[in-house]
Amino acid sequence: MKPKNVWSYIKIGTGFRYLQEATRGRLIHGKSFVLENIERFLTTLDELEFHVTRRASEKLKAFHETLSKKGEHAELSKSEADELKTIIKEIRGTFSAEAKGIYTYIVTEKRLDTEKLLNHMEELFAPKIFDQLSNLAQYDFKEAGRCITFERSTAAAFHLMRGIESILRQYYQTICQPGKKDLSWGEMVYEVKKARDPRTDRSTVKHLDHIRSAFRNPTQHPDKIYDVEEAQDLFFLVIDVTNRMVSEMST
């Protein structure tokens, strides 16, 4: 996945317009004049990965090289303006054909901020919590954010369950030292309850048991399918309980 700024698509259109309408007397050198517009146009083709159109722009590149040799105050002649229009007309045909095979997808607005889901997951946790998570848990929560963004909701639920179970294992080992290995989710919650450690909040343990019975177990069932609203609800719940566990482990 590569993010593309919408402005790049607008910029390629304005580039076509400027170069196609360049007339006699237009300055060749200088900011926003002919040479700079050709350079910007070619660069934008590269940015948008219009590879065929870029290869079809060799005449434009050669034209740019010819113009660049002119004096500092040179202006476009009529023959040069006509030549530029012909070159751009040829490129436009290739561009139109290539563009018909390229699609962009716009993500729909969610209750959760899209930019944070994609690139700043740490900002959806309580301050300083995300940095204390294991690398595996960070990975799963980041993947859950991407899945919610692109509405792969059932996949998001799987990653959320993986992420919180990873933290639950740390939580269990912290509270029940020395803890047993390879316990199930339910067994770990039971052991934490039994330990009666003053660091544990009863509501945290209740939430963990609720997540196990209402979400973790059903998510493993092949018939359970989440929609994006359910995935977001689960995200809020999981992040809240993760914040609680990490805070309690730190006390």
Protein backbone atom coordinates (compact mmCIF):
# COMPACT_ATOMS: atom_id res chain seq x y z
CA MET A 1 0.00 0.00 0.00
CA LYS A 2 1.34 3.41 -0.96
CA PRO A 3 -0.51 6.57 0.09
CA LYS A 4 -1.02 9.08 -2.71
CA ASN A 5 -1.90 12.69 -2.00
CA VAL A 6 -4.96 13.78 -4.00
CA TRP A 7 -3.10 16.96 -4.90
CA SER A 8 -0.74 14.92 -7.09
CA TYR A 9 -3.63 14.02 -9.38
CA ILE A 10 -4.75 17.64 -9.52
CA LYS A 11 -1.16 18.70 -10.20
CA ILE A 12 -0.84 16.41 -13.23
CA GLY A 13 -4.01 17.97 -14.66
CA THR A 14 -2.76 21.52 -14.18
CA GLY A 15 0.53 20.45 -15.77
CA PHE A 16 -1.25 19.25 -18.87
CA ARG A 17 -3.23 22.47 -19.06
CA TYR A 18 -0.24 24.77 -18.68
CA LEU A 19 1.93 22.98 -21.23
CA GLN A 20 -0.88 22.56 -23.74
CA GLU A 21 -1.77 26.25 -23.54
CA ALA A 22 1.78 27.64 -23.52
CA THR A 23 1.95 30.39 -26.16
CA ARG A 24 4.57 32.46 -27.90
CA GLY A 25 6.32 34.87 -25.55
CA ARG A 26 6.05 32.67 -22.45
CA LEU A 27 9.24 32.86 -20.37
CA ILE A 28 11.33 29.68 -20.53
CA HIS A 29 13.43 30.04 -17.37
CA GLY A 30 12.32 31.01 -13.89
CA LYS A 31 9.88 29.88 -11.24
CA SER A 32 6.54 28.59 -12.58
CA PHE A 33 7.55 29.06 -16.22
CA VAL A 34 8.02 26.55 -19.05
CA LEU A 35 11.07 24.56 -17.94
CA GLU A 36 9.92 24.26 -14.33
CA ASN A 37 6.47 23.13 -15.44
CA ILE A 38 7.95 20.43 -17.67
CA GLU A 39 10.14 19.22 -14.79
CA ARG A 40 7.20 19.18 -12.39
CA PHE A 41 5.05 17.33 -14.93
CA LEU A 42 7.66 14.59 -15.45
CA THR A 43 8.31 14.28 -11.71
CA THR A 44 4.59 13.89 -11.02
CA LEU A 45 4.33 11.11 -13.59
CA ASP A 46 7.04 9.30 -11.63
CA GLU A 47 5.31 9.96 -8.29
CA LEU A 48 2.03 8.55 -9.58
CA GLU A 49 3.80 5.61 -11.24
CA PHE A 50 2.49 6.30 -14.73
CA HIS A 51 5.33 4.25 -16.17
CA VAL A 52 3.99 3.92 -19.71
CA THR A 53 3.25 7.64 -20.00
CA ARG A 54 6.68 8.41 -18.57
CA ARG A 55 8.33 6.30 -21.27
CA ALA A 56 6.15 8.03 -23.86
CA SER A 57 7.48 11.41 -22.66
CA GLU A 58 10.96 11.12 -24.17
CA LYS A 59 10.18 13.83 -26.74
CA LEU A 60 9.16 16.15 -23.91
CA LYS A 61 12.38 15.40 -22.07
CA ALA A 62 14.41 16.13 -25.21
CA PHE A 63 12.42 19.33 -25.76
CA HIS A 64 13.23 20.35 -22.17
CA GLU A 65 16.95 19.78 -22.80
CA THR A 66 16.84 21.93 -25.92
CA LEU A 67 15.05 24.80 -24.17
CA SER A 68 17.39 24.65 -21.17
CA LYS A 69 20.29 25.74 -23.42
CA LYS A 70 18.60 29.05 -24.25
CA GLY A 71 19.53 32.30 -22.56
CA GLU A 72 18.30 33.38 -19.16
CA HIS A 73 15.63 35.73 -20.52
CA ALA A 74 14.59 33.62 -23.51
CA GLU A 75 10.94 33.37 -24.48
CA LEU A 76 9.03 30.62 -26.22
CA SER A 77 8.84 31.13 -29.99
CA LYS A 78 5.72 30.31 -32.00
CA SER A 79 7.30 27.21 -33.50
CA GLU A 80 8.41 26.04 -30.05
CA ALA A 81 4.93 26.64 -28.62
CA ASP A 82 3.39 24.64 -31.49
CA GLU A 83 5.90 21.83 -31.00
CA LEU A 84 5.15 21.70 -27.28
CA LYS A 85 1.41 21.47 -27.93
CA THR A 86 1.95 18.58 -30.37
CA ILE A 87 4.13 16.71 -27.87
CA ILE A 88 1.61 17.17 -25.05
CA LYS A 89 -1.27 16.06 -27.28
CA GLU A 90 0.58 12.81 -28.02
CA ILE A 91 1.36 12.26 -24.33
CA ARG A 92 -2.23 12.95 -23.35
CA GLY A 93 -3.48 10.06 -25.48
CA THR A 94 -1.11 7.63 -23.76
CA PHE A 95 -1.92 9.09 -20.35
CA SER A 96 -5.68 8.70 -20.89
CA ALA A 97 -5.30 5.06 -21.93
CA GLU A 98 -3.06 4.26 -18.95
CA ALA A 99 -5.23 6.14 -16.46
CA LYS A 100 -8.26 4.00 -17.35
CA GLY A 101 -6.50 1.00 -15.83
CA ILE A 102 -5.50 2.70 -12.57
CA TYR A 103 -7.84 2.94 -9.58
CA THR A 104 -7.67 4.82 -6.30
CA TYR A 105 -9.63 3.83 -3.21
CA ILE A 106 -10.93 6.31 -0.66
CA VAL A 107 -11.33 4.99 2.89
CA THR A 108 -14.61 5.90 4.54
CA GLU A 109 -14.66 7.94 7.74
CA LYS A 110 -14.62 5.93 10.96
CA ARG A 111 -15.26 6.79 14.59
CA LEU A 112 -11.54 6.26 15.04
CA ASP A 113 -9.15 8.70 13.39
CA THR A 114 -7.86 7.17 10.14
CA GLU A 115 -4.40 8.74 10.33
CA LYS A 116 -3.91 7.38 13.84
CA LEU A 117 -5.17 3.94 12.83
CA LEU A 118 -2.70 3.80 9.95
CA ASN A 119 0.37 5.60 11.22
CA HIS A 120 0.08 6.64 14.86
CA MET A 121 -1.43 3.75 16.80
CA GLU A 122 0.38 4.89 19.95
CA GLU A 123 -1.88 7.95 20.10
CA LEU A 124 -4.97 5.75 20.56
CA PHE A 125 -3.58 4.36 23.81
CA ALA A 126 -3.17 6.19 27.09
CA PRO A 127 0.08 8.22 27.19
CA LYS A 128 3.30 6.13 27.24
CA ILE A 129 1.39 2.81 27.24
CA PHE A 130 2.10 1.70 23.68
CA ASP A 131 5.87 1.94 24.11
CA GLN A 132 5.67 -0.54 26.99
CA LEU A 133 4.00 -3.23 24.88
CA SER A 134 5.95 -6.13 23.44
CA ASN A 135 6.96 -5.96 19.79
CA LEU A 136 4.44 -8.67 18.98
CA ALA A 137 1.59 -6.81 20.68
CA GLN A 138 2.54 -3.57 18.93
CA TYR A 139 2.53 -5.41 15.62
CA ASP A 140 -0.93 -6.89 16.20
CA PHE A 141 -2.48 -3.60 17.32
CA LYS A 142 -1.02 -1.80 14.31
CA GLU A 143 -2.38 -4.51 12.01
CA ALA A 144 -5.78 -4.21 13.69
CA GLY A 145 -5.74 -0.48 12.97
CA ARG A 146 -5.00 -1.07 9.29
CA CYS A 147 -7.69 -3.74 9.07
CA ILE A 148 -10.30 -1.40 10.57
CA THR A 149 -9.27 1.37 8.18
CA PHE A 150 -9.80 -0.88 5.16
CA GLU A 151 -12.83 -2.58 6.70
CA ARG A 152 -11.30 -6.02 7.07
CA SER A 153 -13.22 -6.21 10.32
CA THR A 154 -12.98 -9.91 11.17
CA ALA A 155 -9.22 -9.80 10.58
CA ALA A 156 -9.09 -6.76 12.90
CA ALA A 157 -10.81 -8.77 15.63
CA PHE A 158 -8.25 -11.58 15.30
CA HIS A 159 -5.37 -9.14 15.66
CA LEU A 160 -7.02 -7.43 18.64
CA MET A 161 -7.44 -10.78 20.38
CA ARG A 162 -3.82 -11.72 19.64
CA GLY A 163 -2.60 -8.36 20.91
CA ILE A 164 -4.48 -8.36 24.19
CA GLU A 165 -3.68 -12.03 24.88
CA SER A 166 0.01 -11.22 24.48
CA ILE A 167 -0.34 -8.51 27.14
CA LEU A 168 -2.46 -10.79 29.34
CA ARG A 169 0.44 -13.28 29.40
CA GLN A 170 2.79 -10.52 30.61
CA TYR A 171 0.17 -9.41 33.13
CA TYR A 172 -0.25 -12.96 34.43
CA GLN A 173 3.52 -13.49 34.75
CA THR A 174 3.85 -10.19 36.63
CA ILE A 175 1.03 -10.89 39.09
CA CYS A 176 1.59 -14.64 39.54
CA GLN A 177 5.38 -14.90 39.77
CA PRO A 178 6.60 -17.50 39.09
CA GLY A 179 3.79 -18.17 36.64
CA LYS A 180 3.01 -21.44 34.92
CA LYS A 181 3.59 -21.72 31.18
CA ASP A 182 1.13 -22.41 28.38
CA LEU A 183 -2.04 -21.66 30.33
CA SER A 184 -5.24 -20.80 28.48
CA TRP A 185 -6.81 -17.36 28.68
CA GLY A 186 -9.39 -18.58 31.20
CA GLU A 187 -6.77 -20.28 33.33
CA MET A 188 -4.61 -17.15 33.46
CA VAL A 189 -7.57 -15.00 34.54
CA TYR A 190 -8.47 -17.55 37.21
CA GLU A 191 -4.90 -17.53 38.55
CA VAL A 192 -4.83 -13.72 38.64
CA LYS A 193 -8.12 -13.70 40.58
CA LYS A 194 -6.76 -16.28 43.01
CA ALA A 195 -3.55 -14.31 43.60
CA ARG A 196 -5.47 -11.38 45.11
CA ASP A 197 -2.56 -9.08 44.31
CA PRO A 198 -3.26 -5.51 45.54
CA ARG A 199 -2.12 -4.14 42.16
CA THR A 200 -4.98 -5.78 40.30
CA ASP A 201 -8.26 -3.97 39.90
CA ARG A 202 -11.27 -6.29 40.09
CA SER A 203 -12.88 -4.54 37.14
CA THR A 204 -9.81 -5.30 34.99
CA VAL A 205 -10.14 -9.00 35.72
CA LYS A 206 -13.89 -8.90 35.05
CA HIS A 207 -13.29 -7.20 31.70
CA LEU A 208 -10.71 -9.84 30.76
CA ASP A 209 -13.15 -12.62 31.54
CA HIS A 210 -15.86 -10.82 29.58
CA ILE A 211 -13.59 -10.41 26.54
CA ARG A 212 -12.69 -14.11 26.72
CA SER A 213 -16.28 -15.34 26.77
CA ALA A 214 -17.94 -12.69 24.59
CA PHE A 215 -15.23 -12.07 22.00
CA ARG A 216 -12.10 -14.22 22.16
CA ASN A 217 -13.88 -17.58 22.05
CA PRO A 218 -16.53 -16.57 19.47
CA THR A 219 -13.83 -14.96 17.28
CA GLN A 220 -12.13 -18.33 17.00
CA HIS A 221 -15.38 -19.84 15.72
CA PRO A 222 -15.48 -20.02 11.88
CA ASP A 223 -19.06 -18.69 11.71
CA LYS A 224 -18.36 -15.36 13.46
CA ILE A 225 -18.07 -12.38 11.11
CA TYR A 226 -17.54 -8.81 12.35
CA ASP A 227 -18.72 -5.61 10.73
CA VAL A 228 -16.68 -2.41 11.02
CA GLU A 229 -18.80 -1.00 13.86
CA GLU A 230 -18.35 -4.18 15.93
CA ALA A 231 -14.61 -4.09 15.22
CA GLN A 232 -14.39 -0.50 16.46
CA ASP A 233 -16.41 -1.32 19.58
CA LEU A 234 -14.05 -4.20 20.29
CA PHE A 235 -11.05 -1.93 19.65
CA PHE A 236 -12.22 0.56 22.29
CA LEU A 237 -12.77 -2.24 24.82
CA VAL A 238 -9.43 -3.94 24.15
CA ILE A 239 -7.43 -0.71 24.33
CA ASP A 240 -9.11 0.25 27.60
CA VAL A 241 -8.27 -3.11 29.22
CA THR A 242 -4.74 -3.06 27.81
CA ASN A 243 -4.20 0.40 29.30
CA ARG A 244 -5.41 -0.96 32.66
CA MET A 245 -3.14 -4.03 32.60
CA VAL A 246 -0.02 -2.09 31.65
CA SER A 247 -0.72 0.57 34.30
CA GLU A 248 -1.23 -2.09 36.98
CA MET A 249 1.98 -3.90 35.99
CA SER A 250 3.85 -0.59 36.35
CA THR A 251 2.73 0.07 39.93
